[in-house]
């Protein structure tokens, strides 16, 4: 990290890039995920004071909009002082000035709780037995990681993926999965290789309204590709039925990860009601 005084010696574009990198490093340090050798190291200056000093430098940038300046000044004067929120806001305003925008895999997000205890014991997951999802030909690593994250967070037991689904080990999938791909694991298989003892249904247009659909206590939900939806073969496999999310608007379209999240929430709601009866 650069000393605040040296920032004044840098020119506009170079100064902005250096500041953006510095704020990113500070975010990681604040969250305790800084890589070795990048930790905050100015012993004679508390980190919070360092953040304030470099922010004072940034506030002098002539290209900073009044709206952005007002937000940063408010964060700078806040009591209690939130280092992380200030660093994040400043970094994103800098990226706007530079002309770049963070992709989902560039976001500075601290890892969630480890699935392994300090003694090496694997923690037990709490899930709904027999609640599974089959991701058919999902091409976007980000979407696939999001599906795993939703499945784990809302209590699915297992994730199946089709032979042509994108690789869950791809960096962007791992990034958006936030550790859930490793926690859940997955089985890559064809439709014909899915278990025969579980009802199968699809999330697709033209089906039963999700508010009226009778979710099974156990089952496999097939979700299809971003471009084409589920295949004719998957529709034929889904003998339990087809569920749809009612929508309005001209496009009437949802991202596949968002749609799966809505479905899982309704499925869990149904399971909780069944368990209470």
Protein backbone atom coordinates (compact mmCIF):
# COMPACT_ATOMS: atom_id res chain seq x y z
CA UNK A 1 0.00 0.00 0.00
CA UNK A 2 1.26 3.43 -0.90
CA UNK A 3 1.90 6.19 1.65
CA UNK A 4 -0.79 8.91 1.47
CA UNK A 5 1.80 11.63 0.83
CA UNK A 6 3.10 9.85 -2.25
CA UNK A 7 -0.35 9.81 -3.83
CA UNK A 8 -0.07 13.55 -4.44
CA UNK A 9 2.92 12.90 -6.70
CA UNK A 10 0.89 10.71 -9.07
CA UNK A 11 -1.05 11.99 -12.06
CA UNK A 12 -4.84 11.62 -12.47
CA UNK A 13 -5.22 8.26 -14.22
CA UNK A 14 -2.29 6.63 -12.45
CA UNK A 15 -3.50 7.97 -9.10
CA UNK A 16 -7.01 6.58 -9.65
CA UNK A 17 -5.74 3.13 -10.57
CA UNK A 18 -3.44 3.04 -7.56
CA UNK A 19 -6.22 4.18 -5.26
CA UNK A 20 -8.62 1.57 -6.63
CA UNK A 21 -6.08 -1.19 -6.00
CA UNK A 22 -5.38 0.18 -2.52
CA UNK A 23 -9.04 0.28 -1.56
CA UNK A 24 -9.44 -3.30 -2.79
CA UNK A 25 -6.47 -4.42 -0.69
CA UNK A 26 -7.91 -2.61 2.32
CA UNK A 27 -11.28 -4.33 1.88
CA UNK A 28 -9.56 -7.71 1.96
CA UNK A 29 -7.51 -6.72 4.99
CA UNK A 30 -10.58 -5.49 6.88
CA UNK A 31 -12.37 -8.79 6.18
CA UNK A 32 -9.33 -10.83 7.18
CA UNK A 33 -8.82 -12.35 3.75
CA UNK A 34 -5.75 -10.42 2.61
CA UNK A 35 -3.21 -12.52 0.74
CA UNK A 36 0.14 -12.99 2.41
CA UNK A 37 2.31 -9.93 1.91
CA UNK A 38 -0.61 -7.60 1.19
CA UNK A 39 -1.74 -7.00 4.77
CA UNK A 40 -1.93 -3.46 6.13
CA UNK A 41 1.55 -2.71 7.47
CA UNK A 42 1.91 0.97 8.49
CA UNK A 43 2.59 0.47 12.20
CA UNK A 44 2.67 4.18 13.07
CA UNK A 45 -0.74 4.86 11.49
CA UNK A 46 -3.96 3.01 12.45
CA UNK A 47 -5.66 1.50 9.43
CA UNK A 48 -8.81 3.56 9.96
CA UNK A 49 -6.74 6.77 9.87
CA UNK A 50 -4.99 5.57 6.71
CA UNK A 51 -8.37 5.00 5.08
CA UNK A 52 -9.42 8.53 6.00
CA UNK A 53 -6.20 10.05 4.68
CA UNK A 54 -6.32 8.41 1.27
CA UNK A 55 -10.02 9.24 1.03
CA UNK A 56 -9.20 12.91 1.57
CA UNK A 57 -6.87 12.56 -1.41
CA UNK A 58 -9.61 10.99 -3.52
CA UNK A 59 -12.12 13.71 -2.61
CA UNK A 60 -9.85 16.23 -4.36
CA UNK A 61 -10.37 14.45 -7.70
CA UNK A 62 -11.92 17.03 -10.04
CA UNK A 63 -13.82 14.36 -11.99
CA UNK A 64 -15.65 12.99 -8.94
CA UNK A 65 -19.37 13.72 -9.28
CA UNK A 66 -21.14 15.76 -6.61
CA UNK A 67 -23.39 12.81 -5.79
CA UNK A 68 -20.42 10.49 -5.30
CA UNK A 69 -18.56 13.12 -3.31
CA UNK A 70 -21.55 13.59 -1.00
CA UNK A 71 -21.80 9.84 -0.38
CA UNK A 72 -18.10 9.48 0.41
CA UNK A 73 -18.06 12.53 2.68
CA UNK A 74 -21.04 11.12 4.59
CA UNK A 75 -19.27 7.79 5.06
CA UNK A 76 -16.09 9.59 6.07
CA UNK A 77 -17.88 11.48 8.86
CA UNK A 78 -20.07 8.58 10.01
CA UNK A 79 -19.98 7.59 13.69
CA UNK A 80 -19.23 4.77 14.13
CA UNK A 81 -16.83 4.82 11.22
CA UNK A 82 -17.41 1.94 8.78
CA UNK A 83 -14.05 1.32 7.09
CA UNK A 84 -15.33 -1.46 4.86
CA UNK A 85 -18.31 0.41 3.47
CA UNK A 86 -16.22 3.50 2.75
CA UNK A 87 -13.52 1.49 0.97
CA UNK A 88 -16.10 -0.33 -1.10
CA UNK A 89 -17.94 2.83 -2.12
CA UNK A 90 -14.73 4.68 -2.96
CA UNK A 91 -13.33 1.77 -5.00
CA UNK A 92 -16.49 1.48 -7.08
CA UNK A 93 -16.63 5.22 -7.74
CA UNK A 94 -12.99 5.05 -8.82
CA UNK A 95 -13.71 2.19 -11.21
CA UNK A 96 -16.48 4.30 -12.73
CA UNK A 97 -14.04 7.17 -13.29
CA UNK A 98 -11.47 4.81 -14.77
CA UNK A 99 -14.10 3.37 -17.08
CA UNK A 100 -14.16 -0.22 -15.84
CA UNK A 101 -16.74 -2.07 -13.83
CA UNK A 102 -16.33 -5.02 -11.49
CA UNK A 103 -17.46 -8.39 -12.80
CA UNK A 104 -19.09 -10.74 -10.33
CA UNK A 105 -15.83 -12.64 -9.86
CA UNK A 106 -13.97 -9.42 -8.98
CA UNK A 107 -16.16 -8.53 -6.01
CA UNK A 108 -14.37 -8.50 -2.65
CA UNK A 109 -16.48 -10.98 -0.69
CA UNK A 110 -15.26 -12.73 2.43
CA UNK A 111 -15.68 -16.53 2.43
CA UNK A 112 -18.63 -17.91 4.36
CA UNK A 113 -18.18 -20.17 7.36
CA UNK A 114 -15.99 -23.18 6.65
CA UNK A 115 -17.78 -26.54 6.34
CA UNK A 116 -14.93 -28.05 8.37
CA UNK A 117 -14.30 -27.49 12.10
CA UNK A 118 -10.85 -26.55 13.38
CA UNK A 119 -10.20 -30.18 14.33
CA UNK A 120 -10.90 -31.30 10.77
CA UNK A 121 -14.37 -32.67 11.44
CA UNK A 122 -16.80 -32.07 8.58
CA UNK A 123 -19.88 -30.21 9.79
CA UNK A 124 -23.25 -31.85 9.20
CA UNK A 125 -25.48 -30.10 6.67
CA UNK A 126 -29.12 -29.51 7.47
CA UNK A 127 -31.17 -30.31 4.36
CA UNK A 128 -34.46 -31.71 3.12
CA UNK A 129 -33.85 -35.37 2.25
CA UNK A 130 -34.65 -36.19 -1.34
CA UNK A 131 -34.90 -32.58 -2.52
CA UNK A 132 -32.74 -32.40 -5.64
CA UNK A 133 -32.11 -30.28 -8.71
CA UNK A 134 -30.96 -31.29 -12.18
CA UNK A 135 -29.21 -28.49 -14.09
CA UNK A 136 -29.58 -29.23 -17.79
CA UNK A 137 -27.04 -27.59 -20.09
CA UNK A 138 -26.47 -24.46 -18.00
CA UNK A 139 -23.77 -22.63 -19.97
CA UNK A 140 -22.91 -19.72 -17.69
CA UNK A 141 -20.45 -20.51 -14.88
CA UNK A 142 -21.92 -17.62 -12.88
CA UNK A 143 -25.44 -19.03 -13.19
CA UNK A 144 -24.31 -22.52 -12.26
CA UNK A 145 -22.48 -21.28 -9.17
CA UNK A 146 -25.57 -19.29 -8.21
CA UNK A 147 -27.71 -22.41 -8.53
CA UNK A 148 -25.40 -24.32 -6.20
CA UNK A 149 -25.44 -21.46 -3.70
CA UNK A 150 -29.24 -21.35 -3.69
CA UNK A 151 -29.53 -25.13 -3.49
CA UNK A 152 -27.22 -25.28 -0.48
CA UNK A 153 -28.70 -22.27 1.25
CA UNK A 154 -32.31 -23.44 0.96
CA UNK A 155 -31.67 -27.05 1.87
CA UNK A 156 -31.45 -29.17 -1.28
CA UNK A 157 -29.78 -32.51 -0.67
CA UNK A 158 -28.16 -33.03 -4.03
CA UNK A 159 -27.32 -31.37 -7.34
CA UNK A 160 -27.18 -33.28 -10.63
CA UNK A 161 -25.76 -31.71 -13.77
CA UNK A 162 -26.13 -32.77 -17.39
CA UNK A 163 -23.21 -34.00 -19.54
CA UNK A 164 -23.04 -30.66 -21.38
CA UNK A 165 -23.44 -28.41 -18.34
CA UNK A 166 -20.54 -26.02 -17.78
CA UNK A 167 -17.76 -27.17 -15.45
CA UNK A 168 -18.60 -26.42 -11.78
CA UNK A 169 -14.85 -26.23 -11.11
CA UNK A 170 -14.50 -23.27 -13.48
CA UNK A 171 -13.20 -20.22 -11.58
CA UNK A 172 -16.29 -18.09 -12.15
CA UNK A 173 -18.60 -20.89 -11.02
CA UNK A 174 -16.50 -21.45 -7.89
CA UNK A 175 -16.50 -17.72 -7.22
CA UNK A 176 -20.28 -17.28 -7.45
CA UNK A 177 -20.85 -20.59 -5.65
CA UNK A 178 -19.20 -19.20 -2.50
CA UNK A 179 -17.97 -22.60 -1.33
CA UNK A 180 -21.30 -24.36 -1.92
CA UNK A 181 -20.06 -26.42 -4.86
CA UNK A 182 -17.46 -28.05 -2.62
CA UNK A 183 -19.98 -28.44 0.22
CA UNK A 184 -22.73 -30.00 -1.87
CA UNK A 185 -20.75 -31.87 -4.46
CA UNK A 186 -22.52 -32.97 -7.62
CA UNK A 187 -23.15 -35.88 -9.95
CA UNK A 188 -22.79 -35.43 -13.70
CA UNK A 189 -25.24 -37.71 -15.47
CA UNK A 190 -27.73 -37.98 -18.30
CA UNK A 191 -31.49 -37.76 -17.84
CA UNK A 192 -31.74 -41.54 -18.13
CA UNK A 193 -29.26 -41.93 -15.27
CA UNK A 194 -31.33 -39.98 -12.76
CA UNK A 195 -32.73 -42.01 -9.83
CA UNK A 196 -35.94 -43.88 -10.70
CA UNK A 197 -37.40 -43.69 -7.20
CA UNK A 198 -37.95 -39.91 -7.11
CA UNK A 199 -40.68 -37.91 -8.87
CA UNK A 200 -39.33 -35.58 -11.55
CA UNK A 201 -40.79 -32.21 -12.53
CA UNK A 202 -39.58 -29.21 -14.51
CA UNK A 203 -39.44 -25.46 -14.07
CA UNK A 204 -40.65 -24.21 -17.44
CA UNK A 205 -43.23 -21.92 -19.04
CA UNK A 206 -46.66 -23.30 -19.85
CA UNK A 207 -47.06 -25.27 -16.64
CA UNK A 208 -49.02 -25.06 -13.41
CA UNK A 209 -48.83 -21.73 -11.59
CA UNK A 210 -46.20 -22.00 -8.84
CA UNK A 211 -48.75 -20.83 -6.26
CA UNK A 212 -50.99 -23.80 -7.13
CA UNK A 213 -48.40 -26.48 -7.86
CA UNK A 214 -48.39 -29.42 -5.41
CA UNK A 215 -44.71 -29.81 -4.61
CA UNK A 216 -43.57 -33.35 -3.77
CA UNK A 217 -41.98 -34.08 -0.41
CA UNK A 218 -39.05 -35.54 -2.33
CA UNK A 219 -38.19 -35.09 -5.97
CA UNK A 220 -35.93 -33.78 -8.70
CA UNK A 221 -36.59 -30.41 -10.33
CA UNK A 222 -35.10 -29.98 -13.81
CA UNK A 223 -34.05 -26.47 -14.77
CA UNK A 224 -33.04 -25.79 -18.35
CA UNK A 225 -30.54 -23.74 -20.29
CA UNK A 226 -30.54 -19.95 -20.32
CA UNK A 227 -31.37 -19.84 -24.04
CA UNK A 228 -33.70 -22.76 -24.73
CA UNK A 229 -35.15 -23.84 -21.41
CA UNK A 230 -35.57 -27.53 -20.71
CA UNK A 231 -35.23 -30.01 -23.58
CA UNK A 232 -38.11 -32.08 -25.04
CA UNK A 233 -36.43 -35.12 -23.47
CA UNK A 234 -36.50 -33.44 -20.06
CA UNK A 235 -40.18 -32.55 -20.47
CA UNK A 236 -40.90 -36.19 -21.27
CA UNK A 237 -38.89 -37.29 -18.23
CA UNK A 238 -40.84 -34.96 -15.94
CA UNK A 239 -43.82 -37.21 -15.32
CA UNK A 240 -44.72 -35.39 -12.08
CA UNK A 241 -45.47 -32.19 -13.98
CA UNK A 242 -44.37 -28.74 -14.99
CA UNK A 243 -44.34 -25.66 -12.74
CA UNK A 244 -44.26 -22.06 -14.00
CA UNK A 245 -43.67 -18.66 -12.44
CA UNK A 246 -46.40 -16.16 -13.43
CA UNK A 247 -44.96 -12.91 -14.76
CA UNK A 248 -45.97 -9.58 -16.19
CA UNK A 249 -44.10 -7.17 -18.41
CA UNK A 250 -43.15 -7.14 -22.06
CA UNK A 251 -40.21 -9.50 -21.72
CA UNK A 252 -41.68 -11.80 -19.05
CA UNK A 253 -38.28 -13.39 -18.56
CA UNK A 254 -36.11 -14.26 -15.56
CA UNK A 255 -32.48 -15.23 -15.15
CA UNK A 256 -32.31 -19.00 -14.58
CA UNK A 257 -30.59 -18.57 -11.20
CA UNK A 258 -33.26 -16.12 -10.04
CA UNK A 259 -36.05 -18.40 -11.27
CA UNK A 260 -34.54 -21.35 -9.41
CA UNK A 261 -34.35 -19.26 -6.24
CA UNK A 262 -38.06 -18.46 -6.47
CA UNK A 263 -38.88 -22.12 -7.03
CA UNK A 264 -36.76 -23.31 -4.10
CA UNK A 265 -38.38 -20.80 -1.76
CA UNK A 266 -41.87 -22.05 -2.72
CA UNK A 267 -40.77 -25.69 -2.47
CA UNK A 268 -39.33 -25.12 1.01
CA UNK A 269 -42.51 -23.30 2.05
CA UNK A 270 -44.52 -26.31 0.93
CA UNK A 271 -42.22 -28.74 2.75
CA UNK A 272 -42.47 -26.77 5.98
CA UNK A 273 -46.25 -26.82 5.75
CA UNK A 274 -46.24 -30.57 5.06
CA UNK A 275 -43.97 -31.17 8.05
CA UNK A 276 -46.32 -29.23 10.32
CA UNK A 277 -49.32 -31.36 9.34
